[in-house]
Amino acid sequence: MRAAVIPAFGLEHLAVADRPEPTAGPGQVVVAVKAVSLNYRDLMVARGQYNPRMPLPRVPCSDCAGEVIAVGDGVVSVKVGDRVCGTFMQDWAGGQLSEAAAKSALGGALDGVLAERVVLNETGVVPIPDHLSFEEAATLPCAAVTAWNALTTEFDVAGKTVLLQGTGGVSVFALQFAKTLGAKVLITSGSDDKLARALQMGADAGVNYKTTPDWDKWARQQTGGVGVDLVVEVGGAGTLDRSVKAVRHGGRVSLIGVLAGGTGFDPVPVLMKGVTVRGIFVGSRAMFAAMNRHISQHQIRPVIDRVFPLDQFAAAFRHLEAAGHFGKVVVRF
């Protein structure tokens, strides 16, 4: 079968290679992959920034959708012909994240899913909502579950104000979920065109952080000086200071990404305002299933920026790297 591989770090080395046909062991299923979506993490893995000591070659990517074509001994909840997504962490069924579960992430510690066929755990797949295509469903395992976890775990956003950063995969999903959960949504972007699209999707207000670098003050103005209830923080150290300034006393920052780089975060405002900063590392299978029920109930459709064929998967990585996308980048098989 064909699989994408990282034989050496650097996008210039990405290649398609022949791999042995996989077989299902006890408690496992073989999935014929129909589509894979890319995340910023995949770009970091390919560049060697995620884990410079990662053994190579490695099959990249964590997010796939496809059809079950074989099941191993003891599999009872999945059958041949089922349309499924793989979970980001194969061993995180529910509850708190453990160290062992964190080591079961696809496309990092383990080979990923950018291959024609993959073996996954019976408990590491979830059914695809009926109204979604394989391309749409492939966008869910990382970005969508991350957004869902950030908005819903031990928090009720109904009637509250949420601030989102940028218009990448996590932020666009967070916009869709927050609106259907009853929140007011503020959003930032470095592109006026992307802000216009976010407003068309239901965002209540937006600001260009390039022309308004003190967007934390803008966010507070939008809330009458009080501050937002929740910030979905995808920038990391480069934006965390402003996120803490933008949030109200006793508010929450869901810390997800490291896109903006930067150093020197000052923790004093977290202390003085009683802010909760909660780290988000995707989410469990139980969260995925709950999110899918919400997606089905509200007939939510993921936003796809562009779809590439497998033999152009390296171009898909470069498209993601250029950061001009709105929504998700997908590879179709």
C-alpha atoms as a PDB file:
ATOM      1  CA  MET A   1       0.000   0.000   0.000  1.00  0.00           C
ATOM      2  CA  ARG A   2       1.014   3.638  -0.360  1.00  0.00           C
ATOM      3  CA  ALA A   3       1.852   5.790   2.651  1.00  0.00           C
ATOM      4  CA  ALA A   4       3.323   9.241   3.122  1.00  0.00           C
ATOM      5  CA  VAL A   5       6.582   9.211   5.069  1.00  0.00           C
ATOM      6  CA  ILE A   6       9.033  11.576   6.700  1.00  0.00           C
ATOM      7  CA  PRO A   7      12.400   9.948   5.845  1.00  0.00           C
ATOM      8  CA  ALA A   8      14.317  12.994   7.141  1.00  0.00           C
ATOM      9  CA  PHE A   9      13.197  16.227   8.763  1.00  0.00           C
ATOM     10  CA  GLY A  10      12.245  19.058   6.413  1.00  0.00           C
ATOM     11  CA  LEU A  11       9.319  19.490   4.035  1.00  0.00           C
ATOM     12  CA  GLU A  12      11.657  18.966   1.080  1.00  0.00           C
ATOM     13  CA  HIS A  13      12.122  15.324   2.154  1.00  0.00           C
ATOM     14  CA  LEU A  14       8.443  14.327   2.305  1.00  0.00           C
ATOM     15  CA  ALA A  15       7.710  11.347   0.060  1.00  0.00           C
ATOM     16  CA  VAL A  16       5.226   8.603  -0.789  1.00  0.00           C
ATOM     17  CA  ALA A  17       6.508   5.081  -0.110  1.00  0.00           C
ATOM     18  CA  ASP A  18       5.298   1.474  -0.256  1.00  0.00           C
ATOM     19  CA  ARG A  19       4.442  -0.064   3.107  1.00  0.00           C
ATOM     20  CA  PRO A  20       3.313  -3.605   4.029  1.00  0.00           C
ATOM     21  CA  GLU A  21      -0.420  -4.273   4.124  1.00  0.00           C
ATOM     22  CA  PRO A  22      -1.625  -3.997   7.750  1.00  0.00           C
ATOM     23  CA  THR A  23      -3.575  -6.727   9.545  1.00  0.00           C
ATOM     24  CA  ALA A  24      -5.851  -6.439  12.569  1.00  0.00           C
ATOM     25  CA  GLY A  25      -4.770  -8.046  15.817  1.00  0.00           C
ATOM     26  CA  PRO A  26      -7.073  -8.778  18.766  1.00  0.00           C
ATOM     27  CA  GLY A  27      -9.163  -5.708  19.615  1.00  0.00           C
ATOM     28  CA  GLN A  28      -8.076  -3.890  16.453  1.00  0.00           C
ATOM     29  CA  VAL A  29      -9.641  -2.842  13.149  1.00  0.00           C
ATOM     30  CA  VAL A  30      -8.214  -2.081   9.705  1.00  0.00           C
ATOM     31  CA  VAL A  31      -9.516   1.153   8.188  1.00  0.00           C
ATOM     32  CA  ALA A  32      -9.335   2.005   4.493  1.00  0.00           C
ATOM     33  CA  VAL A  33      -8.480   5.686   4.752  1.00  0.00           C
ATOM     34  CA  LYS A  34     -10.568   7.989   2.572  1.00  0.00           C
ATOM     35  CA  ALA A  35      -9.311  11.372   3.800  1.00  0.00           C
ATOM     36  CA  VAL A  36      -6.774  12.912   6.199  1.00  0.00           C
ATOM     37  CA  SER A  37      -6.656  16.471   7.527  1.00  0.00           C
ATOM     38  CA  LEU A  38      -3.531  18.390   8.487  1.00  0.00           C
ATOM     39  CA  ASN A  39      -2.824  20.218  11.731  1.00  0.00           C
ATOM     40  CA  TYR A  40      -0.063  22.631  12.692  1.00  0.00           C
ATOM     41  CA  ARG A  41       1.351  19.825  14.826  1.00  0.00           C
ATOM     42  CA  ASP A  42       1.913  17.792  11.647  1.00  0.00           C
ATOM     43  CA  LEU A  43       3.940  20.652  10.199  1.00  0.00           C
ATOM     44  CA  MET A  44       6.063  20.767  13.360  1.00  0.00           C
ATOM     45  CA  VAL A  45       6.592  16.992  13.214  1.00  0.00           C
ATOM     46  CA  ALA A  46       7.736  17.152   9.583  1.00  0.00           C
ATOM     47  CA  ARG A  47      10.127  20.014  10.296  1.00  0.00           C
ATOM     48  CA  GLY A  48      11.648  18.223  13.304  1.00  0.00           C
ATOM     49  CA  GLN A  49      10.375  20.853  15.731  1.00  0.00           C
ATOM     50  CA  TYR A  50       7.920  18.618  17.604  1.00  0.00           C
ATOM     51  CA  ASN A  51      10.408  15.953  18.644  1.00  0.00           C
ATOM     52  CA  PRO A  52      13.894  16.257  17.117  1.00  0.00           C
ATOM     53  CA  ARG A  53      14.724  12.764  18.451  1.00  0.00           C
ATOM     54  CA  MET A  54      11.730  11.095  16.798  1.00  0.00           C
ATOM     55  CA  PRO A  55      12.735   7.824  15.094  1.00  0.00           C
ATOM     56  CA  LEU A  56      12.521   8.060  11.299  1.00  0.00           C
ATOM     57  CA  PRO A  57      11.015   7.259   8.890  1.00  0.00           C
ATOM     58  CA  ARG A  58       7.618   8.181  10.360  1.00  0.00           C
ATOM     59  CA  VAL A  59       4.155   8.196   8.781  1.00  0.00           C
ATOM     60  CA  PRO A  60       2.702  11.624   9.682  1.00  0.00           C
ATOM     61  CA  CYS A  61      -0.741  12.954  10.684  1.00  0.00           C
ATOM     62  CA  SER A  62      -3.270  12.110  13.372  1.00  0.00           C
ATOM     63  CA  ASP A  63      -6.640  12.784  11.709  1.00  0.00           C
ATOM     64  CA  CYS A  64      -8.328  10.329   9.364  1.00  0.00           C
ATOM     65  CA  ALA A  65     -11.745   9.168   8.242  1.00  0.00           C
ATOM     66  CA  GLY A  66     -12.452   5.971   6.393  1.00  0.00           C
ATOM     67  CA  GLU A  67     -14.255   2.648   6.208  1.00  0.00           C
ATOM     68  CA  VAL A  68     -13.608  -0.432   8.324  1.00  0.00           C
ATOM     69  CA  ILE A  69     -12.497  -3.295   6.052  1.00  0.00           C
ATOM     70  CA  ALA A  70     -11.391  -5.891   8.638  1.00  0.00           C
ATOM     71  CA  VAL A  71     -11.775  -6.569  12.367  1.00  0.00           C
ATOM     72  CA  GLY A  72      -9.629  -8.590  14.736  1.00  0.00           C
ATOM     73  CA  ASP A  73     -10.578 -11.173  17.336  1.00  0.00           C
ATOM     74  CA  GLY A  74     -12.805  -9.918  20.120  1.00  0.00           C
ATOM     75  CA  VAL A  75     -14.023  -6.792  18.316  1.00  0.00           C
ATOM     76  CA  VAL A  76     -17.742  -6.327  19.045  1.00  0.00           C
ATOM     77  CA  SER A  77     -18.546  -2.600  18.759  1.00  0.00           C
ATOM     78  CA  VAL A  78     -17.236  -2.067  15.214  1.00  0.00           C
ATOM     79  CA  LYS A  79     -18.054  -4.009  12.047  1.00  0.00           C
ATOM     80  CA  VAL A  80     -16.863  -4.128   8.458  1.00  0.00           C
ATOM     81  CA  GLY A  81     -18.430  -1.302   6.450  1.00  0.00           C
ATOM     82  CA  ASP A  82     -18.659   1.168   9.351  1.00  0.00           C
ATOM     83  CA  ARG A  83     -17.648   4.760   8.562  1.00  0.00           C
ATOM     84  CA  VAL A  84     -15.270   5.883  11.311  1.00  0.00           C
ATOM     85  CA  CYS A  85     -12.728   8.461  12.421  1.00  0.00           C
ATOM     86  CA  GLY A  86      -9.653   7.540  14.384  1.00  0.00           C
ATOM     87  CA  THR A  87      -9.147   9.194  17.758  1.00  0.00           C
ATOM     88  CA  PHE A  88      -6.081  11.393  18.236  1.00  0.00           C
ATOM     89  CA  MET A  89      -4.934   9.388  21.276  1.00  0.00           C
ATOM     90  CA  GLN A  90      -5.694   5.716  20.828  1.00  0.00           C
ATOM     91  CA  ASP A  91      -5.633   4.926  24.553  1.00  0.00           C
ATOM     92  CA  TRP A  92      -7.650   7.858  25.988  1.00  0.00           C
ATOM     93  CA  ALA A  93     -11.205   6.559  26.272  1.00  0.00           C
ATOM     94  CA  GLY A  94     -12.369   9.044  28.899  1.00  0.00           C
ATOM     95  CA  GLY A  95     -11.662  10.636  32.259  1.00  0.00           C
ATOM     96  CA  GLN A  96      -8.442  12.468  33.000  1.00  0.00           C
ATOM     97  CA  LEU A  97      -5.532  12.331  30.587  1.00  0.00           C
ATOM     98  CA  SER A  98      -2.797   9.974  31.790  1.00  0.00           C
ATOM     99  CA  GLU A  99       0.855   9.833  30.812  1.00  0.00           C
ATOM    100  CA  ALA A 100       0.288   6.496  29.112  1.00  0.00           C
ATOM    101  CA  ALA A 101      -2.631   7.836  27.071  1.00  0.00           C
ATOM    102  CA  ALA A 102      -0.610  10.889  26.039  1.00  0.00           C
ATOM    103  CA  LYS A 103       1.994   8.534  24.555  1.00  0.00           C
ATOM    104  CA  SER A 104      -0.633   6.949  22.287  1.00  0.00           C
ATOM    105  CA  ALA A 105      -1.038   9.994  20.022  1.00  0.00           C
ATOM    106  CA  LEU A 106      -0.982   9.144  16.320  1.00  0.00           C
ATOM    107  CA  GLY A 107       1.551  10.813  14.042  1.00  0.00           C
ATOM    108  CA  GLY A 108       3.954  11.556  16.875  1.00  0.00           C
ATOM    109  CA  ALA A 109       5.089   8.798  19.219  1.00  0.00           C
ATOM    110  CA  LEU A 110       3.302   6.361  16.892  1.00  0.00           C
ATOM    111  CA  ASP A 111       3.058   6.173  13.120  1.00  0.00           C
ATOM    112  CA  GLY A 112       0.234   8.306  11.818  1.00  0.00           C
ATOM    113  CA  VAL A 113      -2.646   7.869   9.395  1.00  0.00           C
ATOM    114  CA  LEU A 114      -1.487   9.376   6.079  1.00  0.00           C
ATOM    115  CA  ALA A 115      -1.637   5.946   4.469  1.00  0.00           C
ATOM    116  CA  GLU A 116      -4.095   3.986   2.364  1.00  0.00           C
ATOM    117  CA  ARG A 117      -4.872   1.614   5.232  1.00  0.00           C
ATOM    118  CA  VAL A 118      -4.228   1.860   8.984  1.00  0.00           C
ATOM    119  CA  VAL A 119      -4.712  -0.340  12.042  1.00  0.00           C
ATOM    120  CA  LEU A 120      -6.526   1.298  14.946  1.00  0.00           C
ATOM    121  CA  ASN A 121      -7.845   0.111  18.294  1.00  0.00           C
ATOM    122  CA  GLU A 122     -11.521  -0.826  18.501  1.00  0.00           C
ATOM    123  CA  THR A 123     -11.730   1.795  21.265  1.00  0.00           C
ATOM    124  CA  GLY A 124      -9.727   4.221  19.117  1.00  0.00           C
ATOM    125  CA  VAL A 125     -12.416   4.873  16.517  1.00  0.00           C
ATOM    126  CA  VAL A 126     -15.747   6.714  16.596  1.00  0.00           C
ATOM    127  CA  PRO A 127     -18.663   6.639  14.130  1.00  0.00           C
ATOM    128  CA  ILE A 128     -18.873   9.498  11.632  1.00  0.00           C
ATOM    129  CA  PRO A 129     -21.999  11.702  11.765  1.00  0.00           C
ATOM    130  CA  ASP A 130     -24.274  10.592   8.933  1.00  0.00           C
ATOM    131  CA  HIS A 131     -24.448  13.986   7.209  1.00  0.00           C
ATOM    132  CA  LEU A 132     -20.679  14.414   6.847  1.00  0.00           C
ATOM    133  CA  SER A 133     -18.477  13.349   3.942  1.00  0.00           C
ATOM    134  CA  PHE A 134     -15.195  11.544   4.602  1.00  0.00           C
ATOM    135  CA  GLU A 135     -13.327  14.796   3.835  1.00  0.00           C
ATOM    136  CA  GLU A 136     -15.415  16.708   6.378  1.00  0.00           C
ATOM    137  CA  ALA A 137     -15.147  13.979   9.014  1.00  0.00           C
ATOM    138  CA  ALA A 138     -11.356  13.829   8.658  1.00  0.00           C
ATOM    139  CA  THR A 139     -11.149  17.345  10.090  1.00  0.00           C
ATOM    140  CA  LEU A 140     -12.621  16.319  13.454  1.00  0.00           C
ATOM    141  CA  PRO A 141     -10.149  14.236  15.537  1.00  0.00           C
ATOM    142  CA  CYS A 142      -7.701  16.979  16.583  1.00  0.00           C
ATOM    143  CA  ALA A 143      -8.956  20.499  15.850  1.00  0.00           C
ATOM    144  CA  ALA A 144     -12.651  19.919  16.510  1.00  0.00           C
ATOM    145  CA  VAL A 145     -12.179  17.831  19.660  1.00  0.00           C
ATOM    146  CA  THR A 146      -9.672  20.396  20.947  1.00  0.00           C
ATOM    147  CA  ALA A 147     -12.179  23.214  20.433  1.00  0.00           C
ATOM    148  CA  TRP A 148     -14.965  21.179  22.046  1.00  0.00           C
ATOM    149  CA  ASN A 149     -12.793  20.364  25.081  1.00  0.00           C
ATOM    150  CA  ALA A 150     -11.769  24.023  25.435  1.00  0.00           C
ATOM    151  CA  LEU A 151     -15.373  25.232  25.418  1.00  0.00           C
ATOM    152  CA  THR A 152     -17.245  22.552  27.345  1.00  0.00           C
ATOM    153  CA  THR A 153     -15.108  20.768  29.929  1.00  0.00           C
ATOM    154  CA  GLU A 154     -16.178  21.957  33.397  1.00  0.00           C
ATOM    155  CA  PHE A 155     -17.538  25.126  31.788  1.00  0.00           C
ATOM    156  CA  ASP A 156     -20.859  26.332  30.361  1.00  0.00           C
ATOM    157  CA  VAL A 157     -20.449  28.965  27.648  1.00  0.00           C
ATOM    158  CA  ALA A 158     -24.173  29.624  27.218  1.00  0.00           C
ATOM    159  CA  GLY A 159     -24.788  33.353  27.662  1.00  0.00           C
ATOM    160  CA  LYS A 160     -21.071  34.055  28.057  1.00  0.00           C
ATOM    161  CA  THR A 161     -18.517  35.877  25.888  1.00  0.00           C
ATOM    162  CA  VAL A 162     -15.743  33.884  24.235  1.00  0.00           C
ATOM    163  CA  LEU A 163     -12.655  35.352  22.557  1.00  0.00           C
ATOM    164  CA  LEU A 164     -11.076  33.343  19.740  1.00  0.00           C
ATOM    165  CA  GLN A 165      -7.675  33.878  18.149  1.00  0.00           C
ATOM    166  CA  GLY A 166      -7.261  33.589  14.405  1.00  0.00           C
ATOM    167  CA  THR A 167      -9.162  31.521  11.862  1.00  0.00           C
ATOM    168  CA  GLY A 168      -7.269  28.242  11.833  1.00  0.00           C
ATOM    169  CA  GLY A 169      -8.937  24.888  12.324  1.00  0.00           C
ATOM    170  CA  VAL A 170      -9.413  25.058  16.114  1.00  0.00           C
ATOM    171  CA  SER A 171     -10.711  28.632  16.089  1.00  0.00           C
ATOM    172  CA  VAL A 172     -13.205  28.045  13.263  1.00  0.00           C
ATOM    173  CA  PHE A 173     -14.571  24.964  15.017  1.00  0.00           C
ATOM    174  CA  ALA A 174     -14.718  26.934  18.277  1.00  0.00           C
ATOM    175  CA  LEU A 175     -16.727  29.624  16.477  1.00  0.00           C
ATOM    176  CA  GLN A 176     -19.228  27.060  15.187  1.00  0.00           C
ATOM    177  CA  PHE A 177     -19.544  25.293  18.540  1.00  0.00           C
ATOM    178  CA  ALA A 178     -19.688  28.453  20.663  1.00  0.00           C
ATOM    179  CA  LYS A 179     -22.528  29.921  18.609  1.00  0.00           C
ATOM    180  CA  THR A 180     -24.578  26.712  18.727  1.00  0.00           C
ATOM    181  CA  LEU A 181     -23.902  26.519  22.485  1.00  0.00           C
ATOM    182  CA  GLY A 182     -25.339  30.006  22.985  1.00  0.00           C
ATOM    183  CA  ALA A 183     -22.222  32.148  23.478  1.00  0.00           C
ATOM    184  CA  LYS A 184     -21.271  35.583  22.188  1.00  0.00           C
ATOM    185  CA  VAL A 185     -18.114  35.282  20.073  1.00  0.00           C
ATOM    186  CA  LEU A 186     -15.319  37.796  19.542  1.00  0.00           C
ATOM    187  CA  ILE A 187     -12.544  36.879  17.126  1.00  0.00           C
ATOM    188  CA  THR A 188      -9.143  38.214  16.032  1.00  0.00           C
ATOM    189  CA  SER A 189      -7.333  37.780  12.727  1.00  0.00           C
ATOM    190  CA  GLY A 190      -4.509  39.348  10.770  1.00  0.00           C
ATOM    191  CA  SER A 191      -6.696  39.383   7.643  1.00  0.00           C
ATOM    192  CA  ASP A 192      -9.729  41.581   7.057  1.00  0.00           C
ATOM    193  CA  ASP A 193     -11.009  39.074   4.499  1.00  0.00           C
ATOM    194  CA  LYS A 194     -10.869  36.267   7.052  1.00  0.00           C
ATOM    195  CA  LEU A 195     -12.589  38.462   9.630  1.00  0.00           C
ATOM    196  CA  ALA A 196     -15.377  39.090   7.126  1.00  0.00           C
ATOM    197  CA  ARG A 197     -15.817  35.345   6.644  1.00  0.00           C
ATOM    198  CA  ALA A 198     -15.880  34.779  10.415  1.00  0.00           C
ATOM    199  CA  LEU A 199     -18.574  37.438  10.807  1.00  0.00           C
ATOM    200  CA  GLN A 200     -20.602  35.752   8.056  1.00  0.00           C
ATOM    201  CA  MET A 201     -20.348  32.521  10.041  1.00  0.00           C
ATOM    202  CA  GLY A 202     -21.838  34.186  13.109  1.00  0.00           C
ATOM    203  CA  ALA A 203     -19.012  35.886  15.018  1.00  0.00           C
ATOM    204  CA  ASP A 204     -20.452  38.894  16.857  1.00  0.00           C
ATOM    205  CA  ALA A 205     -17.402  41.147  16.419  1.00  0.00           C
ATOM    206  CA  GLY A 206     -13.882  40.916  15.052  1.00  0.00           C
ATOM    207  CA  VAL A 207     -10.636  42.862  15.083  1.00  0.00           C
ATOM    208  CA  ASN A 208      -7.464  42.820  12.999  1.00  0.00           C
ATOM    209  CA  TYR A 209      -4.585  42.280  15.419  1.00  0.00           C
ATOM    210  CA  LYS A 210      -2.107  43.761  12.936  1.00  0.00           C
ATOM    211  CA  THR A 211      -3.860  47.142  12.831  1.00  0.00           C
ATOM    212  CA  THR A 212      -5.048  46.858  16.446  1.00  0.00           C
ATOM    213  CA  PRO A 213      -2.170  45.180  18.297  1.00  0.00           C
ATOM    214  CA  ASP A 214      -3.744  45.950  21.697  1.00  0.00           C
ATOM    215  CA  TRP A 215      -6.683  43.655  20.940  1.00  0.00           C
ATOM    216  CA  ASP A 216      -7.005  42.882  24.638  1.00  0.00           C
ATOM    217  CA  LYS A 217      -8.246  46.442  25.197  1.00  0.00           C
ATOM    218  CA  TRP A 218     -10.655  46.021  22.268  1.00  0.00           C
ATOM    219  CA  ALA A 219     -12.026  42.833  23.829  1.00  0.00           C
ATOM    220  CA  ARG A 220     -12.595  44.570  27.139  1.00  0.00           C
ATOM    221  CA  GLN A 221     -14.364  47.422  25.353  1.00  0.00           C
ATOM    222  CA  GLN A 222     -16.675  44.888  23.725  1.00  0.00           C
ATOM    223  CA  THR A 223     -17.687  43.699  27.199  1.00  0.00           C
ATOM    224  CA  GLY A 224     -18.190  47.101  28.803  1.00  0.00           C
ATOM    225  CA  GLY A 225     -14.757  47.000  30.432  1.00  0.00           C
ATOM    226  CA  VAL A 226     -15.425  43.748  32.327  1.00  0.00           C
ATOM    227  CA  GLY A 227     -13.478  41.314  30.147  1.00  0.00           C
ATOM    228  CA  VAL A 228     -14.435  38.117  28.343  1.00  0.00           C
ATOM    229  CA  ASP A 229     -15.406  34.941  30.156  1.00  0.00           C
ATOM    230  CA  LEU A 230     -13.180  32.603  28.163  1.00  0.00           C
ATOM    231  CA  VAL A 231     -10.241  32.940  25.775  1.00  0.00           C
ATOM    232  CA  VAL A 232      -9.390  30.061  23.445  1.00  0.00           C
ATOM    233  CA  GLU A 233      -5.644  30.695  23.372  1.00  0.00           C
ATOM    234  CA  VAL A 234      -3.828  29.266  20.350  1.00  0.00           C
ATOM    235  CA  GLY A 235      -0.817  31.609  20.233  1.00  0.00           C
ATOM    236  CA  GLY A 236       1.031  30.526  23.360  1.00  0.00           C
ATOM    237  CA  ALA A 237       3.649  32.701  25.030  1.00  0.00           C
ATOM    238  CA  GLY A 238       3.441  35.347  22.310  1.00  0.00           C
ATOM    239  CA  THR A 239      -0.237  36.121  23.035  1.00  0.00           C
ATOM    240  CA  LEU A 240      -0.871  34.757  26.526  1.00  0.00           C
ATOM    241  CA  ASP A 241      -0.191  38.087  28.273  1.00  0.00           C
ATOM    242  CA  ARG A 242      -2.893  39.826  26.237  1.00  0.00           C
ATOM    243  CA  SER A 243      -5.286  36.922  26.724  1.00  0.00           C
ATOM    244  CA  VAL A 244      -4.990  37.237  30.500  1.00  0.00           C
ATOM    245  CA  LYS A 245      -5.549  40.989  30.193  1.00  0.00           C
ATOM    246  CA  ALA A 246      -8.619  40.412  28.031  1.00  0.00           C
ATOM    247  CA  VAL A 247     -10.301  37.935  30.387  1.00  0.00           C
ATOM    248  CA  ARG A 248     -12.477  39.007  33.323  1.00  0.00           C
ATOM    249  CA  HIS A 249     -11.684  38.438  36.996  1.00  0.00           C
ATOM    250  CA  GLY A 250     -12.309  34.767  37.692  1.00  0.00           C
ATOM    251  CA  GLY A 251     -12.376  33.986  33.960  1.00  0.00           C
ATOM    252  CA  ARG A 252     -10.708  31.207  32.056  1.00  0.00           C
ATOM    253  CA  VAL A 253      -8.007  30.805  29.416  1.00  0.00           C
ATOM    254  CA  SER A 254      -8.007  27.504  27.526  1.00  0.00           C
ATOM    255  CA  LEU A 255      -4.353  27.172  26.496  1.00  0.00           C
ATOM    256  CA  ILE A 256      -3.966  25.162  23.299  1.00  0.00           C
ATOM    257  CA  GLY A 257      -1.236  26.250  20.919  1.00  0.00           C
ATOM    258  CA  VAL A 258       2.178  27.806  20.514  1.00  0.00           C
ATOM    259  CA  LEU A 259       1.704  29.484  17.134  1.00  0.00           C
ATOM    260  CA  ALA A 260       2.924  32.939  18.134  1.00  0.00           C
ATOM    261  CA  GLY A 261       6.130  31.900  19.880  1.00  0.00           C
ATOM    262  CA  GLY A 262       7.547  34.438  22.334  1.00  0.00           C
ATOM    263  CA  THR A 263       8.802  34.249  25.913  1.00  0.00           C
ATOM    264  CA  GLY A 264       8.624  36.128  29.187  1.00  0.00           C
ATOM    265  CA  PHE A 265       5.018  35.531  30.260  1.00  0.00           C
ATOM    266  CA  ASP A 266       4.185  37.442  33.465  1.00  0.00           C
ATOM    267  CA  PRO A 267       2.065  35.253  35.804  1.00  0.00           C
ATOM    268  CA  VAL A 268       1.173  38.072  38.226  1.00  0.00           C
ATOM    269  CA  PRO A 269      -2.115  39.050  36.483  1.00  0.00           C
ATOM    270  CA  VAL A 270      -3.235  35.404  36.648  1.00  0.00           C
ATOM    271  CA  LEU A 271      -2.796  35.569  40.414  1.00  0.00           C
ATOM    272  CA  MET A 272      -4.307  39.021  40.897  1.00  0.00           C
ATOM    273  CA  LYS A 273      -7.392  38.301  38.751  1.00  0.00           C
ATOM    274  CA  GLY A 274      -7.946  34.714  39.870  1.00  0.00           C
ATOM    275  CA  VAL A 275      -7.774  33.498  36.274  1.00  0.00           C
ATOM    276  CA  THR A 276      -7.892  29.780  35.505  1.00  0.00           C
ATOM    277  CA  VAL A 277      -5.397  28.769  32.806  1.00  0.00           C
ATOM    278  CA  ARG A 278      -6.241  25.256  31.645  1.00  0.00           C
ATOM    279  CA  GLY A 279      -4.013  23.297  29.299  1.00  0.00           C
ATOM    280  CA  ILE A 280      -5.836  21.509  26.473  1.00  0.00           C
ATOM    281  CA  PHE A 281      -4.250  18.503  24.750  1.00  0.00           C
ATOM    282  CA  VAL A 282      -6.985  17.507  22.280  1.00  0.00           C
ATOM    283  CA  GLY A 283      -9.480  15.277  24.135  1.00  0.00           C
ATOM    284  CA  SER A 284     -10.786  11.812  24.883  1.00  0.00           C
ATOM    285  CA  ARG A 285     -12.955   9.401  22.895  1.00  0.00           C
ATOM    286  CA  ALA A 286     -15.852  10.267  25.209  1.00  0.00           C
ATOM    287  CA  MET A 287     -15.460  13.963  24.333  1.00  0.00           C
ATOM    288  CA  PHE A 288     -15.319  13.044  20.632  1.00  0.00           C
ATOM    289  CA  ALA A 289     -18.575  11.103  20.904  1.00  0.00           C
ATOM    290  CA  ALA A 290     -20.326  13.936  22.775  1.00  0.00           C
ATOM    291  CA  MET A 291     -19.106  16.440  20.185  1.00  0.00           C
ATOM    292  CA  ASN A 292     -20.383  14.261  17.331  1.00  0.00           C
ATOM    293  CA  ARG A 293     -23.833  14.178  18.923  1.00  0.00           C
ATOM    294  CA  HIS A 294     -23.797  17.982  18.998  1.00  0.00           C
ATOM    295  CA  ILE A 295     -22.572  18.132  15.389  1.00  0.00           C
ATOM    296  CA  SER A 296     -25.409  15.832  14.310  1.00  0.00           C
ATOM    297  CA  GLN A 297     -28.034  17.708  16.311  1.00  0.00           C
ATOM    298  CA  HIS A 298     -27.066  21.071  14.807  1.00  0.00           C
ATOM    299  CA  GLN A 299     -26.050  19.711  11.376  1.00  0.00           C
ATOM    300  CA  ILE A 300     -22.676  21.463  11.663  1.00  0.00           C
ATOM    301  CA  ARG A 301     -20.425  21.145   8.622  1.00  0.00           C
ATOM    302  CA  PRO A 302     -16.655  21.618   9.010  1.00  0.00           C
ATOM    303  CA  VAL A 303     -15.051  24.383   6.956  1.00  0.00           C
ATOM    304  CA  ILE A 304     -12.537  23.004   4.442  1.00  0.00           C
ATOM    305  CA  ASP A 305     -10.110  25.397   2.806  1.00  0.00           C
ATOM    306  CA  ARG A 306      -8.654  23.078   0.158  1.00  0.00           C
ATOM    307  CA  VAL A 307      -8.416  19.366  -0.705  1.00  0.00           C
ATOM    308  CA  PHE A 308      -5.254  17.783  -2.190  1.00  0.00           C
ATOM    309  CA  PRO A 309      -4.776  14.289  -3.681  1.00  0.00           C
ATOM    310  CA  LEU A 310      -2.344  11.943  -1.934  1.00  0.00           C
ATOM    311  CA  ASP A 311       0.398  12.388  -4.528  1.00  0.00           C
ATOM    312  CA  GLN A 312       0.351  16.134  -3.766  1.00  0.00           C
ATOM    313  CA  PHE A 313       0.414  15.781   0.032  1.00  0.00           C
ATOM    314  CA  ALA A 314       3.711  17.695   0.284  1.00  0.00           C
ATOM    315  CA  ALA A 315       1.987  20.642  -1.424  1.00  0.00           C
ATOM    316  CA  ALA A 316      -0.740  20.372   1.221  1.00  0.00           C
ATOM    317  CA  PHE A 317       1.919  20.782   3.920  1.00  0.00           C
ATOM    318  CA  ARG A 318       3.328  23.829   2.149  1.00  0.00           C
ATOM    319  CA  HIS A 319      -0.163  25.300   1.809  1.00  0.00           C
ATOM    320  CA  LEU A 320      -0.633  24.902   5.553  1.00  0.00           C
ATOM    321  CA  GLU A 321       2.792  26.435   6.191  1.00  0.00           C
ATOM    322  CA  ALA A 322       1.869  29.523   4.128  1.00  0.00           C
ATOM    323  CA  ALA A 323      -0.900  30.250   6.674  1.00  0.00           C
ATOM    324  CA  GLY A 324      -3.306  31.660   4.118  1.00  0.00           C
ATOM    325  CA  HIS A 325      -5.961  29.018   4.754  1.00  0.00           C
ATOM    326  CA  PHE A 326      -9.365  29.495   6.401  1.00  0.00           C
ATOM    327  CA  GLY A 327     -10.489  26.285   8.040  1.00  0.00           C
ATOM    328  CA  LYS A 328      -8.932  22.895   7.361  1.00  0.00           C
ATOM    329  CA  VAL A 329      -6.521  21.496   4.753  1.00  0.00           C
ATOM    330  CA  VAL A 330      -7.396  17.948   3.660  1.00  0.00           C
ATOM    331  CA  VAL A 331      -5.695  15.155   1.694  1.00  0.00           C
ATOM    332  CA  ARG A 332      -8.083  12.875  -0.218  1.00  0.00           C
ATOM    333  CA  PHE A 333      -7.401   9.241  -1.077  1.00  0.00           C
END
